[in-house]
Amino acid sequence: MPVDTELNQSRRQLQLTELLTPARIRIPLVSSTKDAILAELVDVVVANATVRDPEKVLEAVREREEVLSTGIGSGVAIPHGKTSVVDELILVAGVQPAGVDFEALDGRAVNLFFMLVGPESSAGQHVKALSRISRLLRRDSFRVRLTEAETPDQFFSIIAEAEAT
């Protein structure tokens, strides 16, 4: 690949629709505790990607949560972790309509979840994906539409529409 193309690729904005599919979205999430939500989201990861050791994925995400809650506020959490048991960046999402105490920074319950898991070697893409998720979720109307989505296809379409504008 020519250097110019590599440089353009590294500058190009990552699209969530490149990482997320309707199969990687769970509506509704049924768990009612932080730890159970993490396990439920890891189950979605395992069902939709090659994972050599599911327990290591959950361990990586839990370790990151111990540093600081990934409940970023406004009803949103972005649990994430890096582990050697996956070979690619994996994004899954879900909605828990009733909300879960996720020790969010603003103290509010969380009902919109995006979990990002990747290998150590994907640190740059990992940060880009976290940044992209955070940027899109700043808009109140976008968050509301996602939490009101009734199906994974509808949730995915809302993201695709937001990324197209």
C-alpha atoms as a PDB file:
ATOM      1  CA  MET A   1       0.000   0.000   0.000  1.00  0.00           C
ATOM      2  CA  PRO A   2       1.499   3.384  -0.933  1.00  0.00           C
ATOM      3  CA  VAL A   3       2.406   5.720   1.909  1.00  0.00           C
ATOM      4  CA  ASP A   4      -0.219   8.294   0.803  1.00  0.00           C
ATOM      5  CA  THR A   5      -2.980   5.694   1.033  1.00  0.00           C
ATOM      6  CA  GLU A   6      -1.819   4.560   4.481  1.00  0.00           C
ATOM      7  CA  LEU A   7      -1.778   8.161   5.680  1.00  0.00           C
ATOM      8  CA  ASN A   8      -5.283   8.774   4.323  1.00  0.00           C
ATOM      9  CA  GLN A   9      -6.525   5.571   5.986  1.00  0.00           C
ATOM     10  CA  SER A  10      -5.102   6.660   9.354  1.00  0.00           C
ATOM     11  CA  ARG A  11      -6.744  10.107   9.039  1.00  0.00           C
ATOM     12  CA  ARG A  12     -10.097   8.826   7.779  1.00  0.00           C
ATOM     13  CA  GLN A  13     -12.814   8.914  10.388  1.00  0.00           C
ATOM     14  CA  LEU A  14     -13.764   5.493  11.675  1.00  0.00           C
ATOM     15  CA  GLN A  15     -17.420   4.664  11.096  1.00  0.00           C
ATOM     16  CA  LEU A  16     -19.273   2.690  13.764  1.00  0.00           C
ATOM     17  CA  THR A  17     -21.163   0.889  11.016  1.00  0.00           C
ATOM     18  CA  GLU A  18     -17.819  -0.695  10.045  1.00  0.00           C
ATOM     19  CA  LEU A  19     -17.667  -2.380  13.471  1.00  0.00           C
ATOM     20  CA  LEU A  20     -21.317  -2.859  14.368  1.00  0.00           C
ATOM     21  CA  THR A  21     -23.953  -5.044  12.736  1.00  0.00           C
ATOM     22  CA  PRO A  22     -27.569  -5.687  13.749  1.00  0.00           C
ATOM     23  CA  ALA A  23     -26.449  -9.117  15.004  1.00  0.00           C
ATOM     24  CA  ARG A  24     -24.125  -7.344  17.453  1.00  0.00           C
ATOM     25  CA  ILE A  25     -26.976  -5.337  18.987  1.00  0.00           C
ATOM     26  CA  ARG A  26     -29.187  -6.686  21.778  1.00  0.00           C
ATOM     27  CA  ILE A  27     -32.571  -5.099  22.425  1.00  0.00           C
ATOM     28  CA  PRO A  28     -33.539  -5.448  25.162  1.00  0.00           C
ATOM     29  CA  LEU A  29     -30.687  -6.271  27.481  1.00  0.00           C
ATOM     30  CA  VAL A  30     -32.307  -8.107  30.366  1.00  0.00           C
ATOM     31  CA  SER A  31     -29.696  -7.935  33.131  1.00  0.00           C
ATOM     32  CA  SER A  32     -30.257  -5.574  36.038  1.00  0.00           C
ATOM     33  CA  THR A  33     -26.779  -5.202  37.578  1.00  0.00           C
ATOM     34  CA  LYS A  34     -23.542  -3.750  36.255  1.00  0.00           C
ATOM     35  CA  ASP A  35     -21.661  -7.038  36.348  1.00  0.00           C
ATOM     36  CA  ALA A  36     -24.513  -8.966  34.740  1.00  0.00           C
ATOM     37  CA  ILE A  37     -24.782  -6.363  31.942  1.00  0.00           C
ATOM     38  CA  LEU A  38     -21.045  -6.756  31.273  1.00  0.00           C
ATOM     39  CA  ALA A  39     -21.449 -10.531  31.078  1.00  0.00           C
ATOM     40  CA  GLU A  40     -24.492 -10.216  28.813  1.00  0.00           C
ATOM     41  CA  LEU A  41     -22.607  -7.907  26.434  1.00  0.00           C
ATOM     42  CA  VAL A  42     -19.612 -10.277  26.405  1.00  0.00           C
ATOM     43  CA  ASP A  43     -22.060 -13.031  25.407  1.00  0.00           C
ATOM     44  CA  VAL A  44     -22.988 -10.889  22.380  1.00  0.00           C
ATOM     45  CA  VAL A  45     -19.278 -10.488  21.566  1.00  0.00           C
ATOM     46  CA  VAL A  46     -18.704 -14.245  21.790  1.00  0.00           C
ATOM     47  CA  ALA A  47     -21.749 -15.029  19.630  1.00  0.00           C
ATOM     48  CA  ASN A  48     -20.555 -12.707  16.858  1.00  0.00           C
ATOM     49  CA  ALA A  49     -16.760 -12.877  16.747  1.00  0.00           C
ATOM     50  CA  THR A  50     -13.881 -15.271  17.149  1.00  0.00           C
ATOM     51  CA  VAL A  51     -12.948 -15.251  20.828  1.00  0.00           C
ATOM     52  CA  ARG A  52     -10.441 -17.764  22.128  1.00  0.00           C
ATOM     53  CA  ASP A  53     -11.365 -17.351  25.810  1.00  0.00           C
ATOM     54  CA  PRO A  54     -14.626 -15.550  26.694  1.00  0.00           C
ATOM     55  CA  GLU A  55     -13.674 -15.321  30.369  1.00  0.00           C
ATOM     56  CA  LYS A  56     -10.551 -13.302  29.448  1.00  0.00           C
ATOM     57  CA  VAL A  57     -12.718 -10.797  27.568  1.00  0.00           C
ATOM     58  CA  LEU A  58     -14.940 -10.318  30.605  1.00  0.00           C
ATOM     59  CA  GLU A  59     -11.850 -10.051  32.813  1.00  0.00           C
ATOM     60  CA  ALA A  60     -10.342  -7.315  30.591  1.00  0.00           C
ATOM     61  CA  VAL A  61     -13.559  -5.282  30.666  1.00  0.00           C
ATOM     62  CA  ARG A  62     -13.960  -5.708  34.441  1.00  0.00           C
ATOM     63  CA  GLU A  63     -10.359  -4.606  35.013  1.00  0.00           C
ATOM     64  CA  ARG A  64     -10.993  -1.434  33.019  1.00  0.00           C
ATOM     65  CA  GLU A  65     -14.156  -0.766  35.052  1.00  0.00           C
ATOM     66  CA  GLU A  66     -12.141  -1.013  38.279  1.00  0.00           C
ATOM     67  CA  VAL A  67      -9.977   1.906  37.131  1.00  0.00           C
ATOM     68  CA  LEU A  68     -12.963   4.197  36.500  1.00  0.00           C
ATOM     69  CA  SER A  69     -16.552   3.535  35.534  1.00  0.00           C
ATOM     70  CA  THR A  70     -17.205   3.736  31.817  1.00  0.00           C
ATOM     71  CA  GLY A  71     -20.653   5.118  32.611  1.00  0.00           C
ATOM     72  CA  ILE A  72     -19.968   8.465  30.937  1.00  0.00           C
ATOM     73  CA  GLY A  73     -23.249  10.113  31.915  1.00  0.00           C
ATOM     74  CA  SER A  74     -26.548  10.923  30.223  1.00  0.00           C
ATOM     75  CA  GLY A  75     -27.615   7.276  30.478  1.00  0.00           C
ATOM     76  CA  VAL A  76     -24.633   5.970  28.475  1.00  0.00           C
ATOM     77  CA  ALA A  77     -21.843   3.493  29.249  1.00  0.00           C
ATOM     78  CA  ILE A  78     -18.999   2.444  26.976  1.00  0.00           C
ATOM     79  CA  PRO A  79     -17.337  -0.517  28.693  1.00  0.00           C
ATOM     80  CA  HIS A  80     -14.182  -1.545  26.889  1.00  0.00           C
ATOM     81  CA  GLY A  81     -11.010  -3.567  27.189  1.00  0.00           C
ATOM     82  CA  LYS A  82      -7.998  -4.926  25.374  1.00  0.00           C
ATOM     83  CA  THR A  83      -7.118  -8.583  25.374  1.00  0.00           C
ATOM     84  CA  SER A  84      -4.978 -11.051  23.462  1.00  0.00           C
ATOM     85  CA  VAL A  85      -7.889 -13.490  23.014  1.00  0.00           C
ATOM     86  CA  VAL A  86      -9.407 -11.506  20.113  1.00  0.00           C
ATOM     87  CA  ASP A  87      -7.783 -10.631  16.798  1.00  0.00           C
ATOM     88  CA  GLU A  88      -9.962  -7.730  15.721  1.00  0.00           C
ATOM     89  CA  LEU A  89     -11.767  -4.739  17.139  1.00  0.00           C
ATOM     90  CA  ILE A  90     -15.291  -5.779  18.137  1.00  0.00           C
ATOM     91  CA  LEU A  91     -18.177  -3.444  18.944  1.00  0.00           C
ATOM     92  CA  VAL A  92     -21.491  -4.582  20.404  1.00  0.00           C
ATOM     93  CA  ALA A  93     -24.373  -2.514  21.743  1.00  0.00           C
ATOM     94  CA  GLY A  94     -27.582  -2.827  23.655  1.00  0.00           C
ATOM     95  CA  VAL A  95     -30.433  -1.081  25.381  1.00  0.00           C
ATOM     96  CA  GLN A  96     -31.672  -1.878  28.876  1.00  0.00           C
ATOM     97  CA  PRO A  97     -34.984   0.047  29.015  1.00  0.00           C
ATOM     98  CA  ALA A  98     -35.306   0.170  32.807  1.00  0.00           C
ATOM     99  CA  GLY A  99     -31.743   1.385  33.315  1.00  0.00           C
ATOM    100  CA  VAL A 100     -28.971  -0.061  35.466  1.00  0.00           C
ATOM    101  CA  ASP A 101     -26.893   1.431  38.259  1.00  0.00           C
ATOM    102  CA  PHE A 102     -23.536   1.480  36.468  1.00  0.00           C
ATOM    103  CA  GLU A 103     -21.742   3.861  38.839  1.00  0.00           C
ATOM    104  CA  ALA A 104     -21.934   6.478  36.082  1.00  0.00           C
ATOM    105  CA  LEU A 105     -20.026   9.710  36.496  1.00  0.00           C
ATOM    106  CA  ASP A 106     -23.288  11.686  36.779  1.00  0.00           C
ATOM    107  CA  GLY A 107     -24.906   9.160  39.144  1.00  0.00           C
ATOM    108  CA  ARG A 108     -27.746   8.428  36.706  1.00  0.00           C
ATOM    109  CA  ALA A 109     -28.886   4.962  35.664  1.00  0.00           C
ATOM    110  CA  VAL A 110     -27.547   3.730  32.328  1.00  0.00           C
ATOM    111  CA  ASN A 111     -29.726   2.241  29.608  1.00  0.00           C
ATOM    112  CA  LEU A 112     -27.572   2.635  26.484  1.00  0.00           C
ATOM    113  CA  PHE A 113     -24.463   0.452  26.219  1.00  0.00           C
ATOM    114  CA  PHE A 114     -21.651   0.170  23.689  1.00  0.00           C
ATOM    115  CA  MET A 115     -18.946  -2.417  24.466  1.00  0.00           C
ATOM    116  CA  LEU A 116     -15.657  -2.276  22.595  1.00  0.00           C
ATOM    117  CA  VAL A 117     -13.112  -5.087  22.782  1.00  0.00           C
ATOM    118  CA  GLY A 118      -9.905  -5.402  20.835  1.00  0.00           C
ATOM    119  CA  PRO A 119      -6.382  -6.755  20.806  1.00  0.00           C
ATOM    120  CA  GLU A 120      -3.506  -4.776  22.305  1.00  0.00           C
ATOM    121  CA  SER A 121      -2.276  -4.116  18.760  1.00  0.00           C
ATOM    122  CA  SER A 122      -5.403  -2.113  17.890  1.00  0.00           C
ATOM    123  CA  ALA A 123      -4.836   0.676  20.422  1.00  0.00           C
ATOM    124  CA  GLY A 124      -5.112   3.446  17.804  1.00  0.00           C
ATOM    125  CA  GLN A 125      -8.344   2.134  16.300  1.00  0.00           C
ATOM    126  CA  HIS A 126      -9.654   1.443  19.808  1.00  0.00           C
ATOM    127  CA  VAL A 127      -9.203   5.113  20.763  1.00  0.00           C
ATOM    128  CA  LYS A 128     -10.723   6.273  17.455  1.00  0.00           C
ATOM    129  CA  ALA A 129     -13.785   4.098  18.026  1.00  0.00           C
ATOM    130  CA  LEU A 130     -14.246   5.332  21.610  1.00  0.00           C
ATOM    131  CA  SER A 131     -13.934   8.902  20.386  1.00  0.00           C
ATOM    132  CA  ARG A 132     -16.457   8.338  17.584  1.00  0.00           C
ATOM    133  CA  ILE A 133     -18.992   6.753  19.955  1.00  0.00           C
ATOM    134  CA  SER A 134     -18.585   9.602  22.445  1.00  0.00           C
ATOM    135  CA  ARG A 135     -18.924  12.257  19.762  1.00  0.00           C
ATOM    136  CA  LEU A 136     -22.146  10.815  18.344  1.00  0.00           C
ATOM    137  CA  LEU A 137     -23.681  10.256  21.769  1.00  0.00           C
ATOM    138  CA  ARG A 138     -23.310  13.901  22.797  1.00  0.00           C
ATOM    139  CA  ARG A 139     -26.533  14.695  20.946  1.00  0.00           C
ATOM    140  CA  ASP A 140     -29.580  14.266  23.153  1.00  0.00           C
ATOM    141  CA  SER A 141     -31.903  13.510  20.240  1.00  0.00           C
ATOM    142  CA  PHE A 142     -29.576  10.768  18.975  1.00  0.00           C
ATOM    143  CA  ARG A 143     -29.418   9.074  22.399  1.00  0.00           C
ATOM    144  CA  VAL A 144     -33.199   9.225  22.745  1.00  0.00           C
ATOM    145  CA  ARG A 145     -33.719   7.674  19.309  1.00  0.00           C
ATOM    146  CA  LEU A 146     -31.306   4.840  20.127  1.00  0.00           C
ATOM    147  CA  THR A 147     -32.938   4.078  23.469  1.00  0.00           C
ATOM    148  CA  GLU A 148     -36.348   4.041  21.786  1.00  0.00           C
ATOM    149  CA  ALA A 149     -35.232   1.655  19.028  1.00  0.00           C
ATOM    150  CA  GLU A 150     -37.354  -1.476  19.138  1.00  0.00           C
ATOM    151  CA  THR A 151     -35.146  -3.750  17.030  1.00  0.00           C
ATOM    152  CA  PRO A 152     -31.437  -4.180  16.302  1.00  0.00           C
ATOM    153  CA  ASP A 153     -32.090  -3.226  12.669  1.00  0.00           C
ATOM    154  CA  GLN A 154     -33.748   0.023  13.735  1.00  0.00           C
ATOM    155  CA  PHE A 155     -30.874   0.802  16.154  1.00  0.00           C
ATOM    156  CA  PHE A 156     -28.305   0.143  13.394  1.00  0.00           C
ATOM    157  CA  SER A 157     -30.238   2.319  10.923  1.00  0.00           C
ATOM    158  CA  ILE A 158     -30.239   5.238  13.381  1.00  0.00           C
ATOM    159  CA  ILE A 159     -26.450   5.001  13.644  1.00  0.00           C
ATOM    160  CA  ALA A 160     -26.016   4.681   9.880  1.00  0.00           C
ATOM    161  CA  GLU A 161     -28.225   7.729   9.330  1.00  0.00           C
ATOM    162  CA  ALA A 162     -26.256   9.782  11.893  1.00  0.00           C
ATOM    163  CA  GLU A 163     -22.948   8.819  10.286  1.00  0.00           C
ATOM    164  CA  ALA A 164     -24.197   9.744   6.818  1.00  0.00           C
ATOM    165  CA  THR A 165     -24.879  13.352   7.834  1.00  0.00           C
END
